[in-house]
Amino acid sequence: MGAGSTRAARRYQSRPGRTAVVVDDLGALRGPTAGEVDLPHRLLWRPDRSVDLDQPWQVRLMYEAVLTESVRAEELCAWLDAGTLVGIWSELYLPRGVRRAWEERHPVLRRLPAAA
């Protein structure tokens, strides 16, 4: 774990056997916000790992993958952007443990209206 990161309590898992990872400061999330990016295979398990950040559905796909598969805060900081995360939080389909871990650490996310 790097500086500025938090491993959520063991009860918050991104999937069985993997503890959800959360950053202490949303401001540390300064990832790309436009254009095409290529995620590492470890984060996005598919042959074509390019993501077009100008396509809203692909942004959601990338954020769901990174939030679920990251094992280090550095990965979160490299790929996620704080403003984008807050803007799409209610639209993301996330494992319950990931959502709870992030909302517990960052109450601003908890107060966002849920997607219809």
C-alpha atoms as a PDB file:
ATOM      1  CA  MET A   1       0.000   0.000   0.000  1.00  0.00           C
ATOM      2  CA  GLY A   2       1.320   3.419  -0.876  1.00  0.00           C
ATOM      3  CA  ALA A   3       1.020   6.642   1.037  1.00  0.00           C
ATOM      4  CA  GLY A   4      -2.437   8.145   1.007  1.00  0.00           C
ATOM      5  CA  SER A   5      -4.216   4.840   0.596  1.00  0.00           C
ATOM      6  CA  THR A   6      -6.508   2.842   2.770  1.00  0.00           C
ATOM      7  CA  ARG A   7      -7.339  -0.818   2.629  1.00  0.00           C
ATOM      8  CA  ALA A   8     -10.955  -1.068   3.634  1.00  0.00           C
ATOM      9  CA  ALA A   9     -11.932  -3.262   6.543  1.00  0.00           C
ATOM     10  CA  ARG A  10     -11.865  -6.941   5.578  1.00  0.00           C
ATOM     11  CA  ARG A  11     -15.658  -6.988   5.432  1.00  0.00           C
ATOM     12  CA  TYR A  12     -15.440  -4.759   2.356  1.00  0.00           C
ATOM     13  CA  GLN A  13     -14.290  -6.881  -0.528  1.00  0.00           C
ATOM     14  CA  SER A  14     -14.251  -6.120  -4.208  1.00  0.00           C
ATOM     15  CA  ARG A  15     -14.662  -9.842  -4.770  1.00  0.00           C
ATOM     16  CA  PRO A  16     -14.037 -12.932  -2.635  1.00  0.00           C
ATOM     17  CA  GLY A  17     -10.493 -12.819  -1.304  1.00  0.00           C
ATOM     18  CA  ARG A  18      -9.745  -9.281  -2.493  1.00  0.00           C
ATOM     19  CA  THR A  19     -10.118  -6.369  -0.104  1.00  0.00           C
ATOM     20  CA  ALA A  20     -11.464  -3.157  -1.604  1.00  0.00           C
ATOM     21  CA  VAL A  21      -8.829  -0.419  -1.887  1.00  0.00           C
ATOM     22  CA  VAL A  22      -9.796   3.213  -1.279  1.00  0.00           C
ATOM     23  CA  VAL A  23      -7.737   6.402  -1.443  1.00  0.00           C
ATOM     24  CA  ASP A  24      -7.722   8.679   1.591  1.00  0.00           C
ATOM     25  CA  ASP A  25      -8.075  11.844  -0.513  1.00  0.00           C
ATOM     26  CA  LEU A  26     -10.286  12.074  -3.602  1.00  0.00           C
ATOM     27  CA  GLY A  27      -8.024  14.892  -4.793  1.00  0.00           C
ATOM     28  CA  ALA A  28      -5.285  12.313  -5.369  1.00  0.00           C
ATOM     29  CA  LEU A  29      -7.320  10.873  -8.254  1.00  0.00           C
ATOM     30  CA  ARG A  30      -5.873  12.665 -11.280  1.00  0.00           C
ATOM     31  CA  GLY A  31      -6.228  10.155 -14.058  1.00  0.00           C
ATOM     32  CA  PRO A  32      -7.072  10.848 -17.702  1.00  0.00           C
ATOM     33  CA  THR A  33     -10.387  12.484 -18.565  1.00  0.00           C
ATOM     34  CA  ALA A  34     -10.489  12.406 -22.371  1.00  0.00           C
ATOM     35  CA  GLY A  35      -9.202  10.494 -25.353  1.00  0.00           C
ATOM     36  CA  GLU A  36      -8.244   6.845 -25.613  1.00  0.00           C
ATOM     37  CA  VAL A  37      -6.356   4.961 -22.931  1.00  0.00           C
ATOM     38  CA  ASP A  38      -5.123   1.375 -22.744  1.00  0.00           C
ATOM     39  CA  LEU A  39      -5.675  -0.237 -19.385  1.00  0.00           C
ATOM     40  CA  PRO A  40      -3.370  -2.975 -18.146  1.00  0.00           C
ATOM     41  CA  HIS A  41      -4.720  -6.489 -18.648  1.00  0.00           C
ATOM     42  CA  ARG A  42      -4.784  -6.942 -14.881  1.00  0.00           C
ATOM     43  CA  LEU A  43      -7.436  -4.228 -14.601  1.00  0.00           C
ATOM     44  CA  LEU A  44      -9.547  -4.973 -17.667  1.00  0.00           C
ATOM     45  CA  TRP A  45      -9.776  -8.625 -18.576  1.00  0.00           C
ATOM     46  CA  ARG A  46     -10.533  -8.541 -22.276  1.00  0.00           C
ATOM     47  CA  PRO A  47      -8.475  -8.702 -25.479  1.00  0.00           C
ATOM     48  CA  ASP A  48      -9.112  -5.056 -26.442  1.00  0.00           C
ATOM     49  CA  ARG A  49      -8.279  -2.992 -23.379  1.00  0.00           C
ATOM     50  CA  SER A  50      -8.529   0.407 -25.031  1.00  0.00           C
ATOM     51  CA  VAL A  51     -11.147   2.729 -23.583  1.00  0.00           C
ATOM     52  CA  ASP A  52     -12.481   5.867 -25.260  1.00  0.00           C
ATOM     53  CA  LEU A  53     -13.045   8.353 -22.452  1.00  0.00           C
ATOM     54  CA  ASP A  54     -15.147  10.492 -24.773  1.00  0.00           C
ATOM     55  CA  GLN A  55     -17.825   7.756 -24.680  1.00  0.00           C
ATOM     56  CA  PRO A  56     -19.795   7.854 -21.381  1.00  0.00           C
ATOM     57  CA  TRP A  57     -20.516   4.119 -21.363  1.00  0.00           C
ATOM     58  CA  GLN A  58     -16.815   3.346 -21.765  1.00  0.00           C
ATOM     59  CA  VAL A  59     -15.937   5.703 -18.903  1.00  0.00           C
ATOM     60  CA  ARG A  60     -18.345   3.778 -16.669  1.00  0.00           C
ATOM     61  CA  LEU A  61     -16.863   0.458 -17.838  1.00  0.00           C
ATOM     62  CA  MET A  62     -13.354   1.641 -17.022  1.00  0.00           C
ATOM     63  CA  TYR A  63     -14.268   3.048 -13.598  1.00  0.00           C
ATOM     64  CA  GLU A  64     -16.114  -0.137 -12.647  1.00  0.00           C
ATOM     65  CA  ALA A  65     -13.103  -2.247 -13.649  1.00  0.00           C
ATOM     66  CA  VAL A  66     -10.505  -0.055 -11.940  1.00  0.00           C
ATOM     67  CA  LEU A  67     -12.509   0.282  -8.711  1.00  0.00           C
ATOM     68  CA  THR A  68     -13.090  -3.465  -8.565  1.00  0.00           C
ATOM     69  CA  GLU A  69      -9.693  -4.794  -9.700  1.00  0.00           C
ATOM     70  CA  SER A  70      -7.180  -2.339  -8.223  1.00  0.00           C
ATOM     71  CA  VAL A  71      -4.927  -3.681  -5.486  1.00  0.00           C
ATOM     72  CA  ARG A  72      -2.912  -0.486  -4.899  1.00  0.00           C
ATOM     73  CA  ALA A  73      -3.905   3.143  -4.427  1.00  0.00           C
ATOM     74  CA  GLU A  74      -1.400   4.069  -7.138  1.00  0.00           C
ATOM     75  CA  GLU A  75      -3.566   2.279  -9.700  1.00  0.00           C
ATOM     76  CA  LEU A  76      -6.613   4.233  -8.577  1.00  0.00           C
ATOM     77  CA  CYS A  77      -4.705   7.516  -8.765  1.00  0.00           C
ATOM     78  CA  ALA A  78      -3.305   6.741 -12.219  1.00  0.00           C
ATOM     79  CA  TRP A  79      -6.613   5.823 -13.865  1.00  0.00           C
ATOM     80  CA  LEU A  80      -9.397   7.646 -12.005  1.00  0.00           C
ATOM     81  CA  ASP A  81     -10.259  11.338 -11.893  1.00  0.00           C
ATOM     82  CA  ALA A  82     -11.981  12.731  -8.783  1.00  0.00           C
ATOM     83  CA  GLY A  83     -14.476  14.949 -10.624  1.00  0.00           C
ATOM     84  CA  THR A  84     -15.410  12.187 -13.027  1.00  0.00           C
ATOM     85  CA  LEU A  85     -15.799   9.685 -10.190  1.00  0.00           C
ATOM     86  CA  VAL A  86     -18.141  11.971  -8.261  1.00  0.00           C
ATOM     87  CA  GLY A  87     -20.064  12.770 -11.445  1.00  0.00           C
ATOM     88  CA  ILE A  88     -20.748   9.157 -12.391  1.00  0.00           C
ATOM     89  CA  TRP A  89     -20.751   7.473  -8.958  1.00  0.00           C
ATOM     90  CA  SER A  90     -24.493   6.863  -8.858  1.00  0.00           C
ATOM     91  CA  GLU A  91     -24.395   5.284 -12.338  1.00  0.00           C
ATOM     92  CA  LEU A  92     -21.684   2.728 -11.561  1.00  0.00           C
ATOM     93  CA  TYR A  93     -22.467  -0.958 -11.134  1.00  0.00           C
ATOM     94  CA  LEU A  94     -20.100  -1.976  -8.344  1.00  0.00           C
ATOM     95  CA  PRO A  95     -19.772  -4.855  -5.912  1.00  0.00           C
ATOM     96  CA  ARG A  96     -21.462  -3.970  -2.621  1.00  0.00           C
ATOM     97  CA  GLY A  97     -18.135  -4.064  -0.765  1.00  0.00           C
ATOM     98  CA  VAL A  98     -16.508  -1.553  -3.103  1.00  0.00           C
ATOM     99  CA  ARG A  99     -19.452   0.847  -2.900  1.00  0.00           C
ATOM    100  CA  ARG A 100     -19.638   0.629   0.902  1.00  0.00           C
ATOM    101  CA  ALA A 101     -15.885   1.042   1.357  1.00  0.00           C
ATOM    102  CA  TRP A 102     -15.756   4.170  -0.800  1.00  0.00           C
ATOM    103  CA  GLU A 103     -18.914   5.711   0.650  1.00  0.00           C
ATOM    104  CA  GLU A 104     -17.739   5.080   4.203  1.00  0.00           C
ATOM    105  CA  ARG A 105     -14.405   6.800   3.517  1.00  0.00           C
ATOM    106  CA  HIS A 106     -15.912   9.565   1.343  1.00  0.00           C
ATOM    107  CA  PRO A 107     -19.389  10.517   2.593  1.00  0.00           C
ATOM    108  CA  VAL A 108     -19.853  12.920  -0.343  1.00  0.00           C
ATOM    109  CA  LEU A 109     -20.367   9.840  -2.517  1.00  0.00           C
ATOM    110  CA  ARG A 110     -23.069   8.509  -0.204  1.00  0.00           C
ATOM    111  CA  ARG A 111     -25.084  11.684  -0.580  1.00  0.00           C
ATOM    112  CA  LEU A 112     -25.258  11.518  -4.374  1.00  0.00           C
ATOM    113  CA  PRO A 113     -28.662  10.632  -5.810  1.00  0.00           C
ATOM    114  CA  ALA A 114     -28.966   7.039  -6.996  1.00  0.00           C
ATOM    115  CA  ALA A 115     -29.404   6.351 -10.681  1.00  0.00           C
ATOM    116  CA  ALA A 116     -32.980   5.586 -11.707  1.00  0.00           C
END
